[in-house]
Amino acid sequence: MRTILTLIICGSYFWACHLKAEENISPKKVGLTTKDTVNFKTQVQPILIKNCSPCHFPGGKLYEKLPFDKGETIVNHEAGVFKRLKKEDEVKLVKQYIEENKKSNL
């Protein structure tokens, strides 16, 4: 009987600790952004560097025509940007950035 009572008390204690910990977790603490807008330098540019380097970055053969380190290039040349992007989450993020910035340019 003592064992069962001890297990119930311990379980209640751990459950209460778990609930308290969940309350204290904020999006910033786990690395999520709370705003809906996409940041070019921190979110989009790393994707482009990974998929479009070296050609579209300083020193690359296409940098003079299409510099992918500039957000306006991405917005103005949407079709060309998606040629090398394969991951669905990356495509979605870049599309969101383009849509957000098309609206602000109108």
PDB file of N, CA and C in Angstrom:
ATOM      1  N   MET A   1       0.818  -1.190   0.000  1.00  0.00           N
ATOM      2  CA  MET A   1       0.000   0.000   0.000  1.00  0.00           C
ATOM      3  C   MET A   1       0.872   1.267   0.000  1.00  0.00           C
ATOM      4  N   ARG A   2       1.984   1.226   0.771  1.00  0.00           N
ATOM      5  CA  ARG A   2       2.887   2.372   0.790  1.00  0.00           C
ATOM      6  C   ARG A   2       3.500   2.611  -0.586  1.00  0.00           C
ATOM      7  N   THR A   3       3.831   1.558  -1.278  1.00  0.00           N
ATOM      8  CA  THR A   3       4.442   1.671  -2.603  1.00  0.00           C
ATOM      9  C   THR A   3       3.488   2.376  -3.561  1.00  0.00           C
ATOM     10  N   ILE A   4       2.242   1.994  -3.530  1.00  0.00           N
ATOM     11  CA  ILE A   4       1.248   2.613  -4.402  1.00  0.00           C
ATOM     12  C   ILE A   4       1.082   4.086  -4.053  1.00  0.00           C
ATOM     13  N   LEU A   5       1.002   4.388  -2.776  1.00  0.00           N
ATOM     14  CA  LEU A   5       0.865   5.765  -2.329  1.00  0.00           C
ATOM     15  C   LEU A   5       2.091   6.593  -2.741  1.00  0.00           C
ATOM     16  N   THR A   6       3.282   6.023  -2.599  1.00  0.00           N
ATOM     17  CA  THR A   6       4.513   6.706  -2.991  1.00  0.00           C
ATOM     18  C   THR A   6       4.520   6.969  -4.500  1.00  0.00           C
ATOM     19  N   LEU A   7       4.100   5.997  -5.280  1.00  0.00           N
ATOM     20  CA  LEU A   7       4.045   6.164  -6.736  1.00  0.00           C
ATOM     21  C   LEU A   7       3.045   7.253  -7.126  1.00  0.00           C
ATOM     22  N   ILE A   8       1.926   7.308  -6.467  1.00  0.00           N
ATOM     23  CA  ILE A   8       0.918   8.324  -6.763  1.00  0.00           C
ATOM     24  C   ILE A   8       1.456   9.714  -6.433  1.00  0.00           C
ATOM     25  N   ILE A   9       2.110   9.849  -5.296  1.00  0.00           N
ATOM     26  CA  ILE A   9       2.667  11.146  -4.897  1.00  0.00           C
ATOM     27  C   ILE A   9       3.771  11.574  -5.864  1.00  0.00           C
ATOM     28  N   CYS A  10       4.666  10.661  -6.199  1.00  0.00           N
ATOM     29  CA  CYS A  10       5.747  10.981  -7.137  1.00  0.00           C
ATOM     30  C   CYS A  10       5.196  11.338  -8.512  1.00  0.00           C
ATOM     31  N   GLY A  11       4.232  10.577  -8.966  1.00  0.00           N
ATOM     32  CA  GLY A  11       3.621  10.845 -10.266  1.00  0.00           C
ATOM     33  C   GLY A  11       2.960  12.211 -10.295  1.00  0.00           C
ATOM     34  N   SER A  12       2.261  12.556  -9.220  1.00  0.00           N
ATOM     35  CA  SER A  12       1.615  13.866  -9.139  1.00  0.00           C
ATOM     36  C   SER A  12       2.643  14.983  -9.153  1.00  0.00           C
ATOM     37  N   TYR A  13       3.729  14.779  -8.436  1.00  0.00           N
ATOM     38  CA  TYR A  13       4.801  15.777  -8.377  1.00  0.00           C
ATOM     39  C   TYR A  13       5.405  15.994  -9.769  1.00  0.00           C
ATOM     40  N   PHE A  14       5.738  14.909 -10.474  1.00  0.00           N
ATOM     41  CA  PHE A  14       6.339  15.028 -11.805  1.00  0.00           C
ATOM     42  C   PHE A  14       5.362  15.630 -12.805  1.00  0.00           C
ATOM     43  N   TRP A  15       4.094  15.305 -12.686  1.00  0.00           N
ATOM     44  CA  TRP A  15       3.078  15.873 -13.573  1.00  0.00           C
ATOM     45  C   TRP A  15       2.995  17.387 -13.361  1.00  0.00           C
ATOM     46  N   ALA A  16       2.989  17.819 -12.085  1.00  0.00           N
ATOM     47  CA  ALA A  16       2.933  19.247 -11.779  1.00  0.00           C
ATOM     48  C   ALA A  16       4.175  19.969 -12.313  1.00  0.00           C
ATOM     49  N   CYS A  17       5.339  19.346 -12.181  1.00  0.00           N
ATOM     50  CA  CYS A  17       6.580  19.933 -12.708  1.00  0.00           C
ATOM     51  C   CYS A  17       6.522  20.060 -14.225  1.00  0.00           C
ATOM     52  N   HIS A  18       5.992  19.051 -14.863  1.00  0.00           N
ATOM     53  CA  HIS A  18       5.857  19.052 -16.322  1.00  0.00           C
ATOM     54  C   HIS A  18       4.950  20.196 -16.771  1.00  0.00           C
ATOM     55  N   LEU A  19       3.813  20.365 -16.119  1.00  0.00           N
ATOM     56  CA  LEU A  19       2.892  21.437 -16.482  1.00  0.00           C
ATOM     57  C   LEU A  19       3.531  22.813 -16.270  1.00  0.00           C
ATOM     58  N   LYS A  20       4.257  22.973 -15.191  1.00  0.00           N
ATOM     59  CA  LYS A  20       4.923  24.237 -14.896  1.00  0.00           C
ATOM     60  C   LYS A  20       5.999  24.529 -15.943  1.00  0.00           C
ATOM     61  N   ALA A  21       6.729  23.511 -16.358  1.00  0.00           N
ATOM     62  CA  ALA A  21       7.776  23.687 -17.369  1.00  0.00           C
ATOM     63  C   ALA A  21       7.176  24.099 -18.704  1.00  0.00           C
ATOM     64  N   GLU A  22       6.032  23.521 -19.076  1.00  0.00           N
ATOM     65  CA  GLU A  22       5.382  23.883 -20.334  1.00  0.00           C
ATOM     66  C   GLU A  22       4.954  25.344 -20.341  1.00  0.00           C
ATOM     67  N   GLU A  23       4.513  25.845 -19.203  1.00  0.00           N
ATOM     68  CA  GLU A  23       4.101  27.242 -19.108  1.00  0.00           C
ATOM     69  C   GLU A  23       5.276  28.181 -19.333  1.00  0.00           C
ATOM     70  N   ASN A  24       6.463  27.788 -18.930  1.00  0.00           N
ATOM     71  CA  ASN A  24       7.636  28.649 -18.998  1.00  0.00           C
ATOM     72  C   ASN A  24       8.338  28.622 -20.342  1.00  0.00           C
ATOM     73  N   ILE A  25       7.971  27.739 -21.247  1.00  0.00           N
ATOM     74  CA  ILE A  25       8.620  27.658 -22.552  1.00  0.00           C
ATOM     75  C   ILE A  25       7.998  28.693 -23.472  1.00  0.00           C
ATOM     76  N   SER A  26       8.821  29.597 -23.956  1.00  0.00           N
ATOM     77  CA  SER A  26       8.350  30.590 -24.912  1.00  0.00           C
ATOM     78  C   SER A  26       8.943  30.256 -26.274  1.00  0.00           C
ATOM     79  N   PRO A  27       8.341  30.753 -27.355  1.00  0.00           N
ATOM     80  CA  PRO A  27       8.882  30.461 -28.686  1.00  0.00           C
ATOM     81  C   PRO A  27      10.336  30.890 -28.850  1.00  0.00           C
ATOM     82  N   LYS A  28      10.765  31.999 -28.244  1.00  0.00           N
ATOM     83  CA  LYS A  28      12.154  32.442 -28.372  1.00  0.00           C
ATOM     84  C   LYS A  28      13.111  31.457 -27.731  1.00  0.00           C
ATOM     85  N   LYS A  29      12.695  30.822 -26.641  1.00  0.00           N
ATOM     86  CA  LYS A  29      13.573  29.890 -25.950  1.00  0.00           C
ATOM     87  C   LYS A  29      13.825  28.638 -26.764  1.00  0.00           C
ATOM     88  N   VAL A  30      12.907  28.241 -27.622  1.00  0.00           N
ATOM     89  CA  VAL A  30      13.099  27.037 -28.419  1.00  0.00           C
ATOM     90  C   VAL A  30      13.502  27.358 -29.854  1.00  0.00           C
ATOM     91  N   GLY A  31      13.797  28.628 -30.140  1.00  0.00           N
ATOM     92  CA  GLY A  31      14.324  28.996 -31.450  1.00  0.00           C
ATOM     93  C   GLY A  31      13.286  29.252 -32.519  1.00  0.00           C
ATOM     94  N   LEU A  32      12.035  29.397 -32.156  1.00  0.00           N
ATOM     95  CA  LEU A  32      10.998  29.677 -33.131  1.00  0.00           C
ATOM     96  C   LEU A  32      10.749  31.178 -33.188  1.00  0.00           C
ATOM     97  N   THR A  33      10.306  31.643 -34.328  1.00  0.00           N
ATOM     98  CA  THR A  33       9.964  33.047 -34.424  1.00  0.00           C
ATOM     99  C   THR A  33       8.481  33.206 -34.170  1.00  0.00           C
ATOM    100  N   THR A  34       8.120  34.299 -33.537  1.00  0.00           N
ATOM    101  CA  THR A  34       6.718  34.536 -33.230  1.00  0.00           C
ATOM    102  C   THR A  34       6.050  35.387 -34.293  1.00  0.00           C
ATOM    103  N   LYS A  35       6.833  36.025 -35.151  1.00  0.00           N
ATOM    104  CA  LYS A  35       6.238  36.853 -36.184  1.00  0.00           C
ATOM    105  C   LYS A  35       6.040  36.040 -37.456  1.00  0.00           C
ATOM    106  N   ASP A  36       5.125  36.499 -38.282  1.00  0.00           N
ATOM    107  CA  ASP A  36       4.776  35.776 -39.491  1.00  0.00           C
ATOM    108  C   ASP A  36       5.664  36.138 -40.671  1.00  0.00           C
ATOM    109  N   THR A  37       6.416  37.228 -40.587  1.00  0.00           N
ATOM    110  CA  THR A  37       7.222  37.649 -41.720  1.00  0.00           C
ATOM    111  C   THR A  37       8.524  36.860 -41.795  1.00  0.00           C
ATOM    112  N   VAL A  38       8.993  36.676 -43.006  1.00  0.00           N
ATOM    113  CA  VAL A  38      10.226  35.922 -43.258  1.00  0.00           C
ATOM    114  C   VAL A  38      11.374  36.911 -43.397  1.00  0.00           C
ATOM    115  N   ASN A  39      12.474  36.655 -42.717  1.00  0.00           N
ATOM    116  CA  ASN A  39      13.657  37.505 -42.764  1.00  0.00           C
ATOM    117  C   ASN A  39      14.606  36.988 -43.840  1.00  0.00           C
ATOM    118  N   PHE A  40      14.997  37.870 -44.768  1.00  0.00           N
ATOM    119  CA  PHE A  40      15.845  37.446 -45.875  1.00  0.00           C
ATOM    120  C   PHE A  40      17.213  36.971 -45.401  1.00  0.00           C
ATOM    121  N   LYS A  41      17.896  37.777 -44.594  1.00  0.00           N
ATOM    122  CA  LYS A  41      19.274  37.460 -44.184  1.00  0.00           C
ATOM    123  C   LYS A  41      19.370  36.194 -43.344  1.00  0.00           C
ATOM    124  N   THR A  42      18.420  35.974 -42.451  1.00  0.00           N
ATOM    125  CA  THR A  42      18.543  34.844 -41.530  1.00  0.00           C
ATOM    126  C   THR A  42      17.814  33.584 -41.980  1.00  0.00           C
ATOM    127  N   GLN A  43      16.809  33.718 -42.843  1.00  0.00           N
ATOM    128  CA  GLN A  43      16.028  32.547 -43.220  1.00  0.00           C
ATOM    129  C   GLN A  43      16.167  32.168 -44.696  1.00  0.00           C
ATOM    130  N   VAL A  44      16.106  33.148 -45.588  1.00  0.00           N
ATOM    131  CA  VAL A  44      16.119  32.853 -47.029  1.00  0.00           C
ATOM    132  C   VAL A  44      17.542  32.731 -47.575  1.00  0.00           C
ATOM    133  N   GLN A  45      18.395  33.672 -47.222  1.00  0.00           N
ATOM    134  CA  GLN A  45      19.750  33.663 -47.778  1.00  0.00           C
ATOM    135  C   GLN A  45      20.521  32.374 -47.478  1.00  0.00           C
ATOM    136  N   PRO A  46      20.435  31.791 -46.277  1.00  0.00           N
ATOM    137  CA  PRO A  46      21.129  30.521 -46.055  1.00  0.00           C
ATOM    138  C   PRO A  46      20.662  29.395 -46.993  1.00  0.00           C
ATOM    139  N   ILE A  47      19.389  29.394 -47.339  1.00  0.00           N
ATOM    140  CA  ILE A  47      18.861  28.396 -48.285  1.00  0.00           C
ATOM    141  C   ILE A  47      19.491  28.618 -49.654  1.00  0.00           C
ATOM    142  N   LEU A  48      19.554  29.881 -50.070  1.00  0.00           N
ATOM    143  CA  LEU A  48      20.124  30.200 -51.377  1.00  0.00           C
ATOM    144  C   LEU A  48      21.621  29.917 -51.421  1.00  0.00           C
ATOM    145  N   ILE A  49      22.312  30.201 -50.343  1.00  0.00           N
ATOM    146  CA  ILE A  49      23.750  29.912 -50.290  1.00  0.00           C
ATOM    147  C   ILE A  49      23.982  28.415 -50.452  1.00  0.00           C
ATOM    148  N   LYS A  50      23.161  27.625 -49.775  1.00  0.00           N
ATOM    149  CA  LYS A  50      23.311  26.173 -49.830  1.00  0.00           C
ATOM    150  C   LYS A  50      23.026  25.621 -51.229  1.00  0.00           C
ATOM    151  N   ASN A  51      22.035  26.184 -51.914  1.00  0.00           N
ATOM    152  CA  ASN A  51      21.591  25.622 -53.188  1.00  0.00           C
ATOM    153  C   ASN A  51      22.109  26.342 -54.429  1.00  0.00           C
ATOM    154  N   CYS A  52      22.528  27.585 -54.295  1.00  0.00           N
ATOM    155  CA  CYS A  52      22.854  28.388 -55.479  1.00  0.00           C
ATOM    156  C   CYS A  52      24.296  28.910 -55.501  1.00  0.00           C
ATOM    157  N   SER A  53      25.117  28.455 -54.584  1.00  0.00           N
ATOM    158  CA  SER A  53      26.526  28.860 -54.561  1.00  0.00           C
ATOM    159  C   SER A  53      27.324  27.935 -55.457  1.00  0.00           C
ATOM    160  N   PRO A  54      28.349  28.409 -56.033  1.00  0.00           N
ATOM    161  CA  PRO A  54      28.938  29.738 -55.978  1.00  0.00           C
ATOM    162  C   PRO A  54      28.418  30.685 -57.052  1.00  0.00           C
ATOM    163  N   CYS A  55      27.648  30.196 -57.992  1.00  0.00           N
ATOM    164  CA  CYS A  55      27.299  30.972 -59.189  1.00  0.00           C
ATOM    165  C   CYS A  55      26.622  32.315 -58.912  1.00  0.00           C
ATOM    166  N   HIS A  56      25.678  32.361 -57.970  1.00  0.00           N
ATOM    167  CA  HIS A  56      24.896  33.575 -57.745  1.00  0.00           C
ATOM    168  C   HIS A  56      25.373  34.404 -56.562  1.00  0.00           C
ATOM    169  N   PHE A  57      26.568  34.152 -56.093  1.00  0.00           N
ATOM    170  CA  PHE A  57      27.128  34.908 -54.975  1.00  0.00           C
ATOM    171  C   PHE A  57      28.460  35.504 -55.397  1.00  0.00           C
ATOM    172  N   PRO A  58      28.989  36.496 -54.666  1.00  0.00           N
ATOM    173  CA  PRO A  58      30.203  37.206 -55.105  1.00  0.00           C
ATOM    174  C   PRO A  58      31.288  36.261 -55.616  1.00  0.00           C
ATOM    175  N   GLY A  59      31.753  36.590 -56.825  1.00  0.00           N
ATOM    176  CA  GLY A  59      32.790  35.780 -57.473  1.00  0.00           C
ATOM    177  C   GLY A  59      32.223  34.745 -58.423  1.00  0.00           C
ATOM    178  N   GLY A  60      30.935  34.493 -58.368  1.00  0.00           N
ATOM    179  CA  GLY A  60      30.300  33.506 -59.242  1.00  0.00           C
ATOM    180  C   GLY A  60      30.017  34.062 -60.626  1.00  0.00           C
ATOM    181  N   LYS A  61      29.865  33.165 -61.592  1.00  0.00           N
ATOM    182  CA  LYS A  61      29.707  33.602 -62.983  1.00  0.00           C
ATOM    183  C   LYS A  61      28.358  34.278 -63.261  1.00  0.00           C
ATOM    184  N   LEU A  62      27.354  34.045 -62.445  1.00  0.00           N
ATOM    185  CA  LEU A  62      26.052  34.677 -62.654  1.00  0.00           C
ATOM    186  C   LEU A  62      25.766  35.805 -61.665  1.00  0.00           C
ATOM    187  N   TYR A  63      26.734  36.118 -60.824  1.00  0.00           N
ATOM    188  CA  TYR A  63      26.496  37.122 -59.777  1.00  0.00           C
ATOM    189  C   TYR A  63      26.173  38.499 -60.353  1.00  0.00           C
ATOM    190  N   GLU A  64      26.850  38.891 -61.416  1.00  0.00           N
ATOM    191  CA  GLU A  64      26.616  40.223 -61.997  1.00  0.00           C
ATOM    192  C   GLU A  64      25.189  40.367 -62.517  1.00  0.00           C
ATOM    193  N   LYS A  65      24.635  39.318 -63.110  1.00  0.00           N
ATOM    194  CA  LYS A  65      23.279  39.374 -63.669  1.00  0.00           C
ATOM    195  C   LYS A  65      22.205  39.124 -62.618  1.00  0.00           C
ATOM    196  N   LEU A  66      22.424  38.139 -61.754  1.00  0.00           N
ATOM    197  CA  LEU A  66      21.433  37.745 -60.750  1.00  0.00           C
ATOM    198  C   LEU A  66      22.093  37.529 -59.389  1.00  0.00           C
ATOM    199  N   PRO A  67      22.326  38.603 -58.650  1.00  0.00           N
ATOM    200  CA  PRO A  67      22.940  38.459 -57.329  1.00  0.00           C
ATOM    201  C   PRO A  67      21.915  37.983 -56.293  1.00  0.00           C
ATOM    202  N   PHE A  68      22.074  36.759 -55.832  1.00  0.00           N
ATOM    203  CA  PHE A  68      21.116  36.188 -54.889  1.00  0.00           C
ATOM    204  C   PHE A  68      21.374  36.617 -53.442  1.00  0.00           C
ATOM    205  N   ASP A  69      22.310  37.512 -53.237  1.00  0.00           N
ATOM    206  CA  ASP A  69      22.489  38.040 -51.887  1.00  0.00           C
ATOM    207  C   ASP A  69      21.668  39.317 -51.680  1.00  0.00           C
ATOM    208  N   LYS A  70      20.841  39.638 -52.660  1.00  0.00           N
ATOM    209  CA  LYS A  70      19.960  40.799 -52.586  1.00  0.00           C
ATOM    210  C   LYS A  70      18.503  40.316 -52.658  1.00  0.00           C
ATOM    211  N   GLY A  71      17.727  40.703 -51.686  1.00  0.00           N
ATOM    212  CA  GLY A  71      16.339  40.263 -51.606  1.00  0.00           C
ATOM    213  C   GLY A  71      15.499  40.661 -52.802  1.00  0.00           C
ATOM    214  N   GLU A  72      15.752  41.850 -53.350  1.00  0.00           N
ATOM    215  CA  GLU A  72      14.948  42.303 -54.492  1.00  0.00           C
ATOM    216  C   GLU A  72      15.171  41.432 -55.730  1.00  0.00           C
ATOM    217  N   THR A  73      16.348  40.856 -55.867  1.00  0.00           N
ATOM    218  CA  THR A  73      16.603  39.943 -56.989  1.00  0.00           C
ATOM    219  C   THR A  73      15.703  38.722 -56.884  1.00  0.00           C
ATOM    220  N   ILE A  74      15.547  38.216 -55.678  1.00  0.00           N
ATOM    221  CA  ILE A  74      14.724  37.032 -55.458  1.00  0.00           C
ATOM    222  C   ILE A  74      13.271  37.333 -55.788  1.00  0.00           C
ATOM    223  N   VAL A  75      12.792  38.495 -55.375  1.00  0.00           N
ATOM    224  CA  VAL A  75      11.405  38.879 -55.625  1.00  0.00           C
ATOM    225  C   VAL A  75      11.160  39.095 -57.115  1.00  0.00           C
ATOM    226  N   ASN A  76      12.104  39.727 -57.804  1.00  0.00           N
ATOM    227  CA  ASN A  76      11.917  40.068 -59.219  1.00  0.00           C
ATOM    228  C   ASN A  76      12.191  38.916 -60.181  1.00  0.00           C
ATOM    229  N   HIS A  77      12.845  37.846 -59.732  1.00  0.00           N
ATOM    230  CA  HIS A  77      13.170  36.714 -60.597  1.00  0.00           C
ATOM    231  C   HIS A  77      12.693  35.403 -59.968  1.00  0.00           C
ATOM    232  N   GLU A  78      11.451  35.410 -59.599  1.00  0.00           N
ATOM    233  CA  GLU A  78      10.856  34.290 -58.874  1.00  0.00           C
ATOM    234  C   GLU A  78      11.029  32.944 -59.576  1.00  0.00           C
ATOM    235  N   ALA A  79      10.773  32.881 -60.858  1.00  0.00           N
ATOM    236  CA  ALA A  79      10.815  31.601 -61.577  1.00  0.00           C
ATOM    237  C   ALA A  79      12.196  30.967 -61.534  1.00  0.00           C
ATOM    238  N   GLY A  80      13.234  31.765 -61.687  1.00  0.00           N
ATOM    239  CA  GLY A  80      14.585  31.238 -61.699  1.00  0.00           C
ATOM    240  C   GLY A  80      15.071  30.768 -60.337  1.00  0.00           C
ATOM    241  N   VAL A  81      14.514  31.336 -59.299  1.00  0.00           N
ATOM    242  CA  VAL A  81      14.960  31.006 -57.942  1.00  0.00           C
ATOM    243  C   VAL A  81      14.644  29.553 -57.590  1.00  0.00           C
ATOM    244  N   PHE A  82      13.537  29.048 -58.062  1.00  0.00           N
ATOM    245  CA  PHE A  82      13.074  27.722 -57.640  1.00  0.00           C
ATOM    246  C   PHE A  82      13.670  26.564 -58.443  1.00  0.00           C
ATOM    247  N   LYS A  83      14.531  26.845 -59.407  1.00  0.00           N
ATOM    248  CA  LYS A  83      15.102  25.782 -60.233  1.00  0.00           C
ATOM    249  C   LYS A  83      15.922  24.771 -59.442  1.00  0.00           C
ATOM    250  N   ARG A  84      16.635  25.209 -58.434  1.00  0.00           N
ATOM    251  CA  ARG A  84      17.509  24.307 -57.677  1.00  0.00           C
ATOM    252  C   ARG A  84      16.977  23.940 -56.296  1.00  0.00           C
ATOM    253  N   LEU A  85      15.896  24.543 -55.886  1.00  0.00           N
ATOM    254  CA  LEU A  85      15.343  24.231 -54.566  1.00  0.00           C
ATOM    255  C   LEU A  85      14.515  22.957 -54.655  1.00  0.00           C
ATOM    256  N   LYS A  86      14.857  21.981 -53.843  1.00  0.00           N
ATOM    257  CA  LYS A  86      14.177  20.680 -53.886  1.00  0.00           C
ATOM    258  C   LYS A  86      13.317  20.418 -52.657  1.00  0.00           C
ATOM    259  N   LYS A  87      13.736  20.917 -51.514  1.00  0.00           N
ATOM    260  CA  LYS A  87      13.014  20.633 -50.279  1.00  0.00           C
ATOM    261  C   LYS A  87      11.759  21.490 -50.191  1.00  0.00           C
ATOM    262  N   GLU A  88      10.652  20.835 -49.898  1.00  0.00           N
ATOM    263  CA  GLU A  88       9.364  21.508 -49.866  1.00  0.00           C
ATOM    264  C   GLU A  88       9.308  22.642 -48.842  1.00  0.00           C
ATOM    265  N   ASP A  89       9.909  22.442 -47.679  1.00  0.00           N
ATOM    266  CA  ASP A  89       9.873  23.482 -46.649  1.00  0.00           C
ATOM    267  C   ASP A  89      10.687  24.709 -47.064  1.00  0.00           C
ATOM    268  N   GLU A  90      11.778  24.494 -47.793  1.00  0.00           N
ATOM    269  CA  GLU A  90      12.575  25.614 -48.279  1.00  0.00           C
ATOM    270  C   GLU A  90      11.826  26.394 -49.355  1.00  0.00           C
ATOM    271  N   VAL A  91      11.196  25.667 -50.272  1.00  0.00           N
ATOM    272  CA  VAL A  91      10.402  26.306 -51.326  1.00  0.00           C
ATOM    273  C   VAL A  91       9.276  27.134 -50.700  1.00  0.00           C
ATOM    274  N   LYS A  92       8.613  26.567 -49.725  1.00  0.00           N
ATOM    275  CA  LYS A  92       7.505  27.251 -49.057  1.00  0.00           C
ATOM    276  C   LYS A  92       7.972  28.542 -48.388  1.00  0.00           C
ATOM    277  N   LEU A  93       9.117  28.494 -47.716  1.00  0.00           N
ATOM    278  CA  LEU A  93       9.652  29.663 -47.026  1.00  0.00           C
ATOM    279  C   LEU A  93      10.044  30.760 -48.024  1.00  0.00           C
ATOM    280  N   VAL A  94      10.697  30.387 -49.104  1.00  0.00           N
ATOM    281  CA  VAL A  94      11.102  31.374 -50.109  1.00  0.00           C
ATOM    282  C   VAL A  94       9.861  31.961 -50.793  1.00  0.00           C
ATOM    283  N   LYS A  95       8.864  31.142 -51.076  1.00  0.00           N
ATOM    284  CA  LYS A  95       7.622  31.646 -51.670  1.00  0.00           C
ATOM    285  C   LYS A  95       6.944  32.642 -50.730  1.00  0.00           C
ATOM    286  N   GLN A  96       6.944  32.329 -49.444  1.00  0.00           N
ATOM    287  CA  GLN A  96       6.343  33.239 -48.467  1.00  0.00           C
ATOM    288  C   GLN A  96       7.089  34.575 -48.468  1.00  0.00           C
ATOM    289  N   TYR A  97       8.411  34.527 -48.504  1.00  0.00           N
ATOM    290  CA  TYR A  97       9.205  35.758 -48.557  1.00  0.00           C
ATOM    291  C   TYR A  97       8.862  36.571 -49.797  1.00  0.00           C
ATOM    292  N   ILE A  98       8.780  35.910 -50.946  1.00  0.00           N
ATOM    293  CA  ILE A  98       8.475  36.602 -52.203  1.00  0.00           C
ATOM    294  C   ILE A  98       7.097  37.244 -52.138  1.00  0.00           C
ATOM    295  N   GLU A  99       6.111  36.503 -51.659  1.00  0.00           N
ATOM    296  CA  GLU A  99       4.751  37.046 -51.565  1.00  0.00           C
ATOM    297  C   GLU A  99       4.686  38.238 -50.616  1.00  0.00           C
ATOM    298  N   GLU A 100       5.351  38.153 -49.494  1.00  0.00           N
ATOM    299  CA  GLU A 100       5.365  39.262 -48.535  1.00  0.00           C
ATOM    300  C   GLU A 100       5.988  40.511 -49.142  1.00  0.00           C
ATOM    301  N   ASN A 101       7.029  40.335 -49.937  1.00  0.00           N
ATOM    302  CA  ASN A 101       7.739  41.475 -50.479  1.00  0.00           C
ATOM    303  C   ASN A 101       7.123  41.999 -51.768  1.00  0.00           C
ATOM    304  N   LYS A 102       6.379  41.194 -52.476  1.00  0.00           N
ATOM    305  CA  LYS A 102       5.626  41.685 -53.627  1.00  0.00           C
ATOM    306  C   LYS A 102       4.555  42.654 -53.144  1.00  0.00           C
ATOM    307  N   LYS A 103       3.902  42.282 -52.038  1.00  0.00           N
ATOM    308  CA  LYS A 103       2.849  43.135 -51.487  1.00  0.00           C
ATOM    309  C   LYS A 103       3.414  44.465 -51.032  1.00  0.00           C
ATOM    310  N   SER A 104       4.601  44.452 -50.441  1.00  0.00           N
ATOM    311  CA  SER A 104       5.179  45.702 -49.936  1.00  0.00           C
ATOM    312  C   SER A 104       5.724  46.578 -51.057  1.00  0.00           C
ATOM    313  N   ASN A 105       5.992  45.986 -52.228  1.00  0.00           N
ATOM    314  CA  ASN A 105       6.496  46.764 -53.366  1.00  0.00           C
ATOM    315  C   ASN A 105       5.385  47.388 -54.201  1.00  0.00           C
ATOM    316  N   LEU A 106       4.149  46.978 -53.973  1.00  0.00           N
ATOM    317  CA  LEU A 106       3.044  47.515 -54.764  1.00  0.00           C
ATOM    318  C   LEU A 106       2.616  48.877 -54.298  1.00  0.00           C
TER     319      LEU A 106
END
